[in-house]
Amino acid sequence: MSSCPVSRVSAWQNTRMPWLIMVIAMVGLTFIAHFLFQEYLYMEPCEQCVYIRFAMLTMAFGGILALIDPKNDYLKIFAYTFVFWGIWLGIEYCVTLNHIHEVVHSENPFAGVDGCREIPIYPFNLPLHEWAPGWFLPTGECGMDTPIVPEDVYGSLNAFQKFFVGNPPNFEDGLYSNGWYLIPSMEFMNMAICCLLAFVVCLVILGSMFVSYTFSHSKAKFYALIVLILVVLLKILGEPSVQIA
């Protein structure tokens, strides 16, 4: 009887449903960040923010591989590899962003802030900020996620936008005038923490699927070991190198 839950999860991870849910969630969160918060509410992404987008889309890519054939072990090796690599990166980026957020909003003038470049450095030095600057080039300040509304759109803001960003010229009466929080009135859970929870939830769910997969058939433990090795290799080899002029 104790093996029944494992068998059920193992059977579930062999279907497209969990992978599709993850892909929709990760792509959806990325689209919300770009189209709603960045383009519509003028909340410019910082360096760590665009890194989080990369991590989410890396997970989505792994999910898309699994969607091709969730029962294919070879596709599943790469699917789990990209998913867990993305989760690893995402958790690191969120922890860094939350630290920066706390430092920026603290009253300690000597705390210092690291990890805020104008030109991002992605894993394997991928030039994503050159390929898609609107999505992957940071334009905001680290730890500061208050809306920055261009002067030329002051007169065209609608009521919905003003509710979130405030009224010109001071923008002090909007829901996000003091930055993005899950509950703005209480300044409860900033964006870094919310994204961190999303990655942790994915880790728990995908981790359960992965563990159940290792017991699904005789060769699965070997395939699972390959996944773990590939994830570590991607993390080590993908560490970006800083080019010093």
C-alpha atoms as a PDB file:
ATOM      1  CA  MET A   1       0.000   0.000   0.000  1.00  0.00           C
ATOM      2  CA  SER A   2       2.865   2.381   0.752  1.00  0.00           C
ATOM      3  CA  SER A   3       3.971   2.258  -2.858  1.00  0.00           C
ATOM      4  CA  CYS A   4       0.580   3.380  -4.205  1.00  0.00           C
ATOM      5  CA  PRO A   5       1.249   7.157  -3.942  1.00  0.00           C
ATOM      6  CA  VAL A   6       4.616   6.715  -5.632  1.00  0.00           C
ATOM      7  CA  SER A   7       3.032   4.694  -8.428  1.00  0.00           C
ATOM      8  CA  ARG A   8       0.344   7.305  -8.932  1.00  0.00           C
ATOM      9  CA  VAL A   9       2.830  10.168  -9.102  1.00  0.00           C
ATOM     10  CA  SER A  10       5.011   8.119 -11.442  1.00  0.00           C
ATOM     11  CA  ALA A  11       2.064   7.516 -13.738  1.00  0.00           C
ATOM     12  CA  TRP A  12       1.099  11.198 -13.544  1.00  0.00           C
ATOM     13  CA  GLN A  13       4.565  12.408 -14.560  1.00  0.00           C
ATOM     14  CA  ASN A  14       4.277  10.186 -17.617  1.00  0.00           C
ATOM     15  CA  THR A  15       1.351  12.299 -18.816  1.00  0.00           C
ATOM     16  CA  ARG A  16       1.449  15.722 -20.426  1.00  0.00           C
ATOM     17  CA  MET A  17      -0.694  17.386 -17.776  1.00  0.00           C
ATOM     18  CA  PRO A  18       1.948  18.295 -15.116  1.00  0.00           C
ATOM     19  CA  TRP A  19       4.417  19.451 -17.746  1.00  0.00           C
ATOM     20  CA  LEU A  20       1.783  21.548 -19.492  1.00  0.00           C
ATOM     21  CA  ILE A  21       0.763  23.179 -16.202  1.00  0.00           C
ATOM     22  CA  MET A  22       4.385  24.057 -15.470  1.00  0.00           C
ATOM     23  CA  VAL A  23       4.985  25.473 -18.955  1.00  0.00           C
ATOM     24  CA  ILE A  24       1.829  27.609 -18.751  1.00  0.00           C
ATOM     25  CA  ALA A  25       2.770  28.822 -15.256  1.00  0.00           C
ATOM     26  CA  MET A  26       6.356  29.767 -16.129  1.00  0.00           C
ATOM     27  CA  VAL A  27       5.535  31.371 -19.472  1.00  0.00           C
ATOM     28  CA  GLY A  28       2.512  33.062 -17.919  1.00  0.00           C
ATOM     29  CA  LEU A  29       4.549  34.600 -15.086  1.00  0.00           C
ATOM     30  CA  THR A  30       7.154  35.811 -17.574  1.00  0.00           C
ATOM     31  CA  PHE A  31       4.486  37.372 -19.791  1.00  0.00           C
ATOM     32  CA  ILE A  32       2.829  39.056 -16.797  1.00  0.00           C
ATOM     33  CA  ALA A  33       6.183  40.507 -15.732  1.00  0.00           C
ATOM     34  CA  HIS A  34       6.880  41.853 -19.217  1.00  0.00           C
ATOM     35  CA  PHE A  35       3.523  42.920 -20.618  1.00  0.00           C
ATOM     36  CA  LEU A  36       1.666  43.932 -17.451  1.00  0.00           C
ATOM     37  CA  PHE A  37       4.251  45.203 -14.996  1.00  0.00           C
ATOM     38  CA  GLN A  38       6.942  46.416 -17.401  1.00  0.00           C
ATOM     39  CA  GLU A  39       5.064  47.619 -20.467  1.00  0.00           C
ATOM     40  CA  TYR A  40       1.709  48.617 -18.956  1.00  0.00           C
ATOM     41  CA  LEU A  41       2.545  49.694 -15.397  1.00  0.00           C
ATOM     42  CA  TYR A  42       6.058  51.015 -16.119  1.00  0.00           C
ATOM     43  CA  MET A  43       7.886  48.899 -13.533  1.00  0.00           C
ATOM     44  CA  GLU A  44      11.326  48.529 -15.066  1.00  0.00           C
ATOM     45  CA  PRO A  45      13.140  45.201 -14.524  1.00  0.00           C
ATOM     46  CA  CYS A  46      16.504  45.131 -12.760  1.00  0.00           C
ATOM     47  CA  GLU A  47      19.356  42.733 -13.479  1.00  0.00           C
ATOM     48  CA  GLN A  48      18.145  40.007 -11.149  1.00  0.00           C
ATOM     49  CA  CYS A  49      14.615  40.363 -12.530  1.00  0.00           C
ATOM     50  CA  VAL A  50      15.677  39.500 -16.065  1.00  0.00           C
ATOM     51  CA  TYR A  51      17.736  36.609 -14.705  1.00  0.00           C
ATOM     52  CA  ILE A  52      14.585  35.270 -13.055  1.00  0.00           C
ATOM     53  CA  ARG A  53      12.838  35.470 -16.427  1.00  0.00           C
ATOM     54  CA  PHE A  54      15.645  33.417 -17.930  1.00  0.00           C
ATOM     55  CA  ALA A  55      15.293  30.796 -15.195  1.00  0.00           C
ATOM     56  CA  MET A  56      11.541  30.533 -15.709  1.00  0.00           C
ATOM     57  CA  LEU A  57      11.867  30.181 -19.466  1.00  0.00           C
ATOM     58  CA  THR A  58      14.595  27.561 -18.975  1.00  0.00           C
ATOM     59  CA  MET A  59      12.103  25.552 -16.929  1.00  0.00           C
ATOM     60  CA  ALA A  60       9.453  26.076 -19.601  1.00  0.00           C
ATOM     61  CA  PHE A  61      11.871  24.788 -22.246  1.00  0.00           C
ATOM     62  CA  GLY A  62      12.370  21.613 -20.235  1.00  0.00           C
ATOM     63  CA  GLY A  63       8.620  21.224 -19.935  1.00  0.00           C
ATOM     64  CA  ILE A  64       8.188  21.633 -23.697  1.00  0.00           C
ATOM     65  CA  LEU A  65      10.692  18.824 -24.274  1.00  0.00           C
ATOM     66  CA  ALA A  66       8.656  16.562 -21.997  1.00  0.00           C
ATOM     67  CA  LEU A  67       5.436  17.519 -23.791  1.00  0.00           C
ATOM     68  CA  ILE A  68       6.783  16.002 -27.012  1.00  0.00           C
ATOM     69  CA  ASP A  69       6.586  12.550 -25.431  1.00  0.00           C
ATOM     70  CA  PRO A  70       6.409  12.386 -21.614  1.00  0.00           C
ATOM     71  CA  LYS A  71       7.024   8.623 -21.669  1.00  0.00           C
ATOM     72  CA  ASN A  72      10.288   8.889 -23.602  1.00  0.00           C
ATOM     73  CA  ASP A  73      13.196   8.448 -21.170  1.00  0.00           C
ATOM     74  CA  TYR A  74      15.707  10.304 -23.312  1.00  0.00           C
ATOM     75  CA  LEU A  75      13.484  13.363 -23.656  1.00  0.00           C
ATOM     76  CA  LYS A  76      12.705  13.145 -19.956  1.00  0.00           C
ATOM     77  CA  ILE A  77      16.391  13.230 -19.072  1.00  0.00           C
ATOM     78  CA  PHE A  78      16.763  16.603 -20.781  1.00  0.00           C
ATOM     79  CA  ALA A  79      13.374  17.800 -19.542  1.00  0.00           C
ATOM     80  CA  TYR A  80      14.227  17.203 -15.887  1.00  0.00           C
ATOM     81  CA  THR A  81      17.735  18.574 -16.448  1.00  0.00           C
ATOM     82  CA  PHE A  82      16.554  21.942 -17.736  1.00  0.00           C
ATOM     83  CA  VAL A  83      13.762  22.147 -15.169  1.00  0.00           C
ATOM     84  CA  PHE A  84      16.037  21.544 -12.186  1.00  0.00           C
ATOM     85  CA  TRP A  85      18.759  23.794 -13.588  1.00  0.00           C
ATOM     86  CA  GLY A  86      16.184  26.545 -14.008  1.00  0.00           C
ATOM     87  CA  ILE A  87      14.905  26.040 -10.464  1.00  0.00           C
ATOM     88  CA  TRP A  88      18.449  26.137  -9.074  1.00  0.00           C
ATOM     89  CA  LEU A  89      19.207  29.370 -10.926  1.00  0.00           C
ATOM     90  CA  GLY A  90      15.849  30.883 -10.061  1.00  0.00           C
ATOM     91  CA  ILE A  91      16.236  30.284  -6.341  1.00  0.00           C
ATOM     92  CA  GLU A  92      19.713  31.845  -6.390  1.00  0.00           C
ATOM     93  CA  TYR A  93      18.483  34.905  -8.290  1.00  0.00           C
ATOM     94  CA  CYS A  94      15.501  35.376  -5.967  1.00  0.00           C
ATOM     95  CA  VAL A  95      17.628  35.133  -2.834  1.00  0.00           C
ATOM     96  CA  THR A  96      20.050  37.694  -4.290  1.00  0.00           C
ATOM     97  CA  LEU A  97      17.221  40.035  -5.305  1.00  0.00           C
ATOM     98  CA  ASN A  98      15.593  39.800  -1.891  1.00  0.00           C
ATOM     99  CA  HIS A  99      18.907  40.618  -0.209  1.00  0.00           C
ATOM    100  CA  ILE A 100      19.324  43.654  -2.464  1.00  0.00           C
ATOM    101  CA  HIS A 101      15.743  44.714  -1.771  1.00  0.00           C
ATOM    102  CA  GLU A 102      16.288  44.533   1.989  1.00  0.00           C
ATOM    103  CA  VAL A 103      19.549  46.478   1.766  1.00  0.00           C
ATOM    104  CA  VAL A 104      18.082  49.202  -0.442  1.00  0.00           C
ATOM    105  CA  HIS A 105      15.104  49.636   1.887  1.00  0.00           C
ATOM    106  CA  SER A 106      17.176  49.537   5.060  1.00  0.00           C
ATOM    107  CA  GLU A 107      18.435  52.621   6.886  1.00  0.00           C
ATOM    108  CA  ASN A 108      22.016  51.368   6.935  1.00  0.00           C
ATOM    109  CA  PRO A 109      24.065  53.612   4.594  1.00  0.00           C
ATOM    110  CA  PHE A 110      27.031  51.229   4.752  1.00  0.00           C
ATOM    111  CA  ALA A 111      25.206  48.030   3.842  1.00  0.00           C
ATOM    112  CA  GLY A 112      26.242  48.165   0.182  1.00  0.00           C
ATOM    113  CA  VAL A 113      24.571  46.512  -2.797  1.00  0.00           C
ATOM    114  CA  ASP A 114      26.097  43.980  -5.157  1.00  0.00           C
ATOM    115  CA  GLY A 115      24.711  42.310  -8.247  1.00  0.00           C
ATOM    116  CA  CYS A 116      23.371  45.312 -10.131  1.00  0.00           C
ATOM    117  CA  ARG A 117      24.884  45.567 -13.599  1.00  0.00           C
ATOM    118  CA  GLU A 118      23.525  47.588 -16.488  1.00  0.00           C
ATOM    119  CA  ILE A 119      24.703  44.889 -18.885  1.00  0.00           C
ATOM    120  CA  PRO A 120      23.656  41.449 -17.649  1.00  0.00           C
ATOM    121  CA  ILE A 121      25.817  38.344 -17.823  1.00  0.00           C
ATOM    122  CA  TYR A 122      23.774  35.221 -18.505  1.00  0.00           C
ATOM    123  CA  PRO A 123      24.861  31.584 -18.112  1.00  0.00           C
ATOM    124  CA  PHE A 124      27.253  30.540 -20.858  1.00  0.00           C
ATOM    125  CA  ASN A 125      27.503  34.294 -21.629  1.00  0.00           C
ATOM    126  CA  LEU A 126      24.372  34.092 -23.760  1.00  0.00           C
ATOM    127  CA  PRO A 127      23.756  37.552 -25.302  1.00  0.00           C
ATOM    128  CA  LEU A 128      20.030  37.488 -24.582  1.00  0.00           C
ATOM    129  CA  HIS A 129      20.039  41.223 -23.853  1.00  0.00           C
ATOM    130  CA  GLU A 130      21.202  41.768 -27.447  1.00  0.00           C
ATOM    131  CA  TRP A 131      18.822  39.258 -29.021  1.00  0.00           C
ATOM    132  CA  ALA A 132      15.740  40.484 -27.134  1.00  0.00           C
ATOM    133  CA  PRO A 133      16.565  43.689 -25.218  1.00  0.00           C
ATOM    134  CA  GLY A 134      12.940  44.442 -24.420  1.00  0.00           C
ATOM    135  CA  TRP A 135      12.774  41.204 -22.465  1.00  0.00           C
ATOM    136  CA  PHE A 136      16.291  40.629 -21.152  1.00  0.00           C
ATOM    137  CA  LEU A 137      18.016  44.016 -20.871  1.00  0.00           C
ATOM    138  CA  PRO A 138      17.653  45.461 -17.354  1.00  0.00           C
ATOM    139  CA  THR A 139      16.451  49.057 -17.277  1.00  0.00           C
ATOM    140  CA  GLY A 140      15.564  49.435 -13.603  1.00  0.00           C
ATOM    141  CA  GLU A 141      17.501  49.893 -10.383  1.00  0.00           C
ATOM    142  CA  CYS A 142      18.247  46.937  -8.150  1.00  0.00           C
ATOM    143  CA  GLY A 143      15.776  46.542  -5.325  1.00  0.00           C
ATOM    144  CA  MET A 144      13.599  49.414  -6.573  1.00  0.00           C
ATOM    145  CA  ASP A 145      10.389  48.281  -8.267  1.00  0.00           C
ATOM    146  CA  THR A 146       8.292  51.428  -8.063  1.00  0.00           C
ATOM    147  CA  PRO A 147       6.674  52.506 -11.339  1.00  0.00           C
ATOM    148  CA  ILE A 148       8.672  54.981 -13.422  1.00  0.00           C
ATOM    149  CA  VAL A 149       6.168  56.644 -15.730  1.00  0.00           C
ATOM    150  CA  PRO A 150       7.581  58.574 -18.728  1.00  0.00           C
ATOM    151  CA  GLU A 151       6.456  62.198 -18.851  1.00  0.00           C
ATOM    152  CA  ASP A 152       5.145  61.842 -22.388  1.00  0.00           C
ATOM    153  CA  VAL A 153       2.399  59.429 -21.231  1.00  0.00           C
ATOM    154  CA  TYR A 154       1.157  61.417 -18.232  1.00  0.00           C
ATOM    155  CA  GLY A 155      -1.889  62.600 -20.129  1.00  0.00           C
ATOM    156  CA  SER A 156      -2.770  59.212 -21.593  1.00  0.00           C
ATOM    157  CA  LEU A 157      -2.884  57.137 -18.412  1.00  0.00           C
ATOM    158  CA  ASN A 158      -6.245  55.440 -17.930  1.00  0.00           C
ATOM    159  CA  ALA A 159      -8.047  54.875 -14.623  1.00  0.00           C
ATOM    160  CA  PHE A 160      -6.762  51.307 -14.320  1.00  0.00           C
ATOM    161  CA  GLN A 161      -3.145  52.406 -14.698  1.00  0.00           C
ATOM    162  CA  LYS A 162      -3.601  55.295 -12.263  1.00  0.00           C
ATOM    163  CA  PHE A 163      -5.014  52.891  -9.677  1.00  0.00           C
ATOM    164  CA  PHE A 164      -1.696  51.019  -9.673  1.00  0.00           C
ATOM    165  CA  VAL A 165       0.895  53.709 -10.441  1.00  0.00           C
ATOM    166  CA  GLY A 166      -0.849  56.785  -9.007  1.00  0.00           C
ATOM    167  CA  ASN A 167      -1.694  60.167 -10.437  1.00  0.00           C
ATOM    168  CA  PRO A 168       0.834  62.475 -12.088  1.00  0.00           C
ATOM    169  CA  PRO A 169       3.024  64.273 -11.444  1.00  0.00           C
ATOM    170  CA  ASN A 170       4.002  62.767  -8.056  1.00  0.00           C
ATOM    171  CA  PHE A 171       2.508  59.245  -8.376  1.00  0.00           C
ATOM    172  CA  GLU A 172       2.251  58.884  -4.611  1.00  0.00           C
ATOM    173  CA  ASP A 173      -1.298  57.536  -4.377  1.00  0.00           C
ATOM    174  CA  GLY A 174      -1.050  54.348  -6.435  1.00  0.00           C
ATOM    175  CA  LEU A 175      -1.253  50.772  -5.175  1.00  0.00           C
ATOM    176  CA  TYR A 176       2.399  50.215  -6.188  1.00  0.00           C
ATOM    177  CA  SER A 177       3.730  53.689  -5.388  1.00  0.00           C
ATOM    178  CA  ASN A 178       5.976  52.182  -2.708  1.00  0.00           C
ATOM    179  CA  GLY A 179       6.953  49.189  -4.825  1.00  0.00           C
ATOM    180  CA  TRP A 180       5.426  45.820  -5.660  1.00  0.00           C
ATOM    181  CA  TYR A 181       4.161  43.716  -2.770  1.00  0.00           C
ATOM    182  CA  LEU A 182       1.644  40.895  -2.634  1.00  0.00           C
ATOM    183  CA  ILE A 183      -0.226  43.000  -0.057  1.00  0.00           C
ATOM    184  CA  PRO A 184       0.980  46.572  -0.748  1.00  0.00           C
ATOM    185  CA  SER A 185      -0.765  48.173   2.237  1.00  0.00           C
ATOM    186  CA  MET A 186       1.256  45.956   4.589  1.00  0.00           C
ATOM    187  CA  GLU A 187       4.370  45.788   2.386  1.00  0.00           C
ATOM    188  CA  PHE A 188       3.991  42.026   2.725  1.00  0.00           C
ATOM    189  CA  MET A 189       6.010  39.709   0.440  1.00  0.00           C
ATOM    190  CA  ASN A 190       7.986  41.540  -2.212  1.00  0.00           C
ATOM    191  CA  MET A 191       8.364  40.235  -5.735  1.00  0.00           C
ATOM    192  CA  ALA A 192      11.585  38.373  -4.943  1.00  0.00           C
ATOM    193  CA  ILE A 193       9.912  36.380  -2.179  1.00  0.00           C
ATOM    194  CA  CYS A 194       6.849  35.609  -4.310  1.00  0.00           C
ATOM    195  CA  CYS A 195       9.039  34.368  -7.153  1.00  0.00           C
ATOM    196  CA  LEU A 196      11.101  32.363  -4.670  1.00  0.00           C
ATOM    197  CA  LEU A 197       7.932  30.647  -3.438  1.00  0.00           C
ATOM    198  CA  ALA A 198       7.006  29.830  -7.042  1.00  0.00           C
ATOM    199  CA  PHE A 199      10.370  28.153  -7.592  1.00  0.00           C
ATOM    200  CA  VAL A 200      10.140  26.278  -4.276  1.00  0.00           C
ATOM    201  CA  VAL A 201       6.652  24.996  -5.120  1.00  0.00           C
ATOM    202  CA  CYS A 202       7.958  23.798  -8.486  1.00  0.00           C
ATOM    203  CA  LEU A 203      10.894  22.145  -6.733  1.00  0.00           C
ATOM    204  CA  VAL A 204       8.565  20.246  -4.395  1.00  0.00           C
ATOM    205  CA  ILE A 205       6.221  19.125  -7.173  1.00  0.00           C
ATOM    206  CA  LEU A 206       8.871  18.340  -9.781  1.00  0.00           C
ATOM    207  CA  GLY A 207      11.073  16.802  -7.110  1.00  0.00           C
ATOM    208  CA  SER A 208       8.254  14.438  -6.155  1.00  0.00           C
ATOM    209  CA  MET A 209       7.736  13.565  -9.798  1.00  0.00           C
ATOM    210  CA  PHE A 210      11.458  12.964 -10.246  1.00  0.00           C
ATOM    211  CA  VAL A 211      11.713  10.709  -7.183  1.00  0.00           C
ATOM    212  CA  SER A 212       8.730   8.684  -8.344  1.00  0.00           C
ATOM    213  CA  TYR A 213      10.304   8.438 -11.795  1.00  0.00           C
ATOM    214  CA  THR A 214      13.467   6.876 -10.356  1.00  0.00           C
ATOM    215  CA  PHE A 215      11.345   3.936  -9.135  1.00  0.00           C
ATOM    216  CA  SER A 216       9.274   3.607 -12.309  1.00  0.00           C
ATOM    217  CA  HIS A 217      11.414   0.955 -14.035  1.00  0.00           C
ATOM    218  CA  SER A 218      14.782  -0.785 -13.854  1.00  0.00           C
ATOM    219  CA  LYS A 219      16.784   1.775 -15.854  1.00  0.00           C
ATOM    220  CA  ALA A 220      15.196   4.870 -14.315  1.00  0.00           C
ATOM    221  CA  LYS A 221      17.735   5.133 -11.483  1.00  0.00           C
ATOM    222  CA  PHE A 222      20.533   5.291 -14.029  1.00  0.00           C
ATOM    223  CA  TYR A 223      18.692   7.958 -16.031  1.00  0.00           C
ATOM    224  CA  ALA A 224      18.030   9.920 -12.831  1.00  0.00           C
ATOM    225  CA  LEU A 225      21.741   9.859 -12.014  1.00  0.00           C
ATOM    226  CA  ILE A 226      22.475  11.254 -15.477  1.00  0.00           C
ATOM    227  CA  VAL A 227      20.002  14.080 -14.803  1.00  0.00           C
ATOM    228  CA  LEU A 228      21.720  15.025 -11.551  1.00  0.00           C
ATOM    229  CA  ILE A 229      25.154  14.985 -13.208  1.00  0.00           C
ATOM    230  CA  LEU A 230      23.932  17.118 -16.119  1.00  0.00           C
ATOM    231  CA  VAL A 231      22.332  19.655 -13.787  1.00  0.00           C
ATOM    232  CA  VAL A 232      25.565  20.057 -11.833  1.00  0.00           C
ATOM    233  CA  LEU A 233      27.579  20.328 -15.049  1.00  0.00           C
ATOM    234  CA  LEU A 234      25.257  22.983 -16.448  1.00  0.00           C
ATOM    235  CA  LYS A 235      25.523  24.952 -13.221  1.00  0.00           C
ATOM    236  CA  ILE A 236      29.324  24.751 -13.119  1.00  0.00           C
ATOM    237  CA  LEU A 237      30.062  25.209 -16.819  1.00  0.00           C
ATOM    238  CA  GLY A 238      27.336  27.811 -17.260  1.00  0.00           C
ATOM    239  CA  GLU A 239      28.743  30.184 -14.641  1.00  0.00           C
ATOM    240  CA  PRO A 240      29.149  33.453 -16.575  1.00  0.00           C
ATOM    241  CA  SER A 241      32.576  34.959 -16.861  1.00  0.00           C
ATOM    242  CA  VAL A 242      33.060  38.679 -16.442  1.00  0.00           C
ATOM    243  CA  GLN A 243      34.930  40.252 -19.306  1.00  0.00           C
ATOM    244  CA  ILE A 244      37.431  42.800 -18.033  1.00  0.00           C
ATOM    245  CA  ALA A 245      38.434  45.424 -20.551  1.00  0.00           C
END
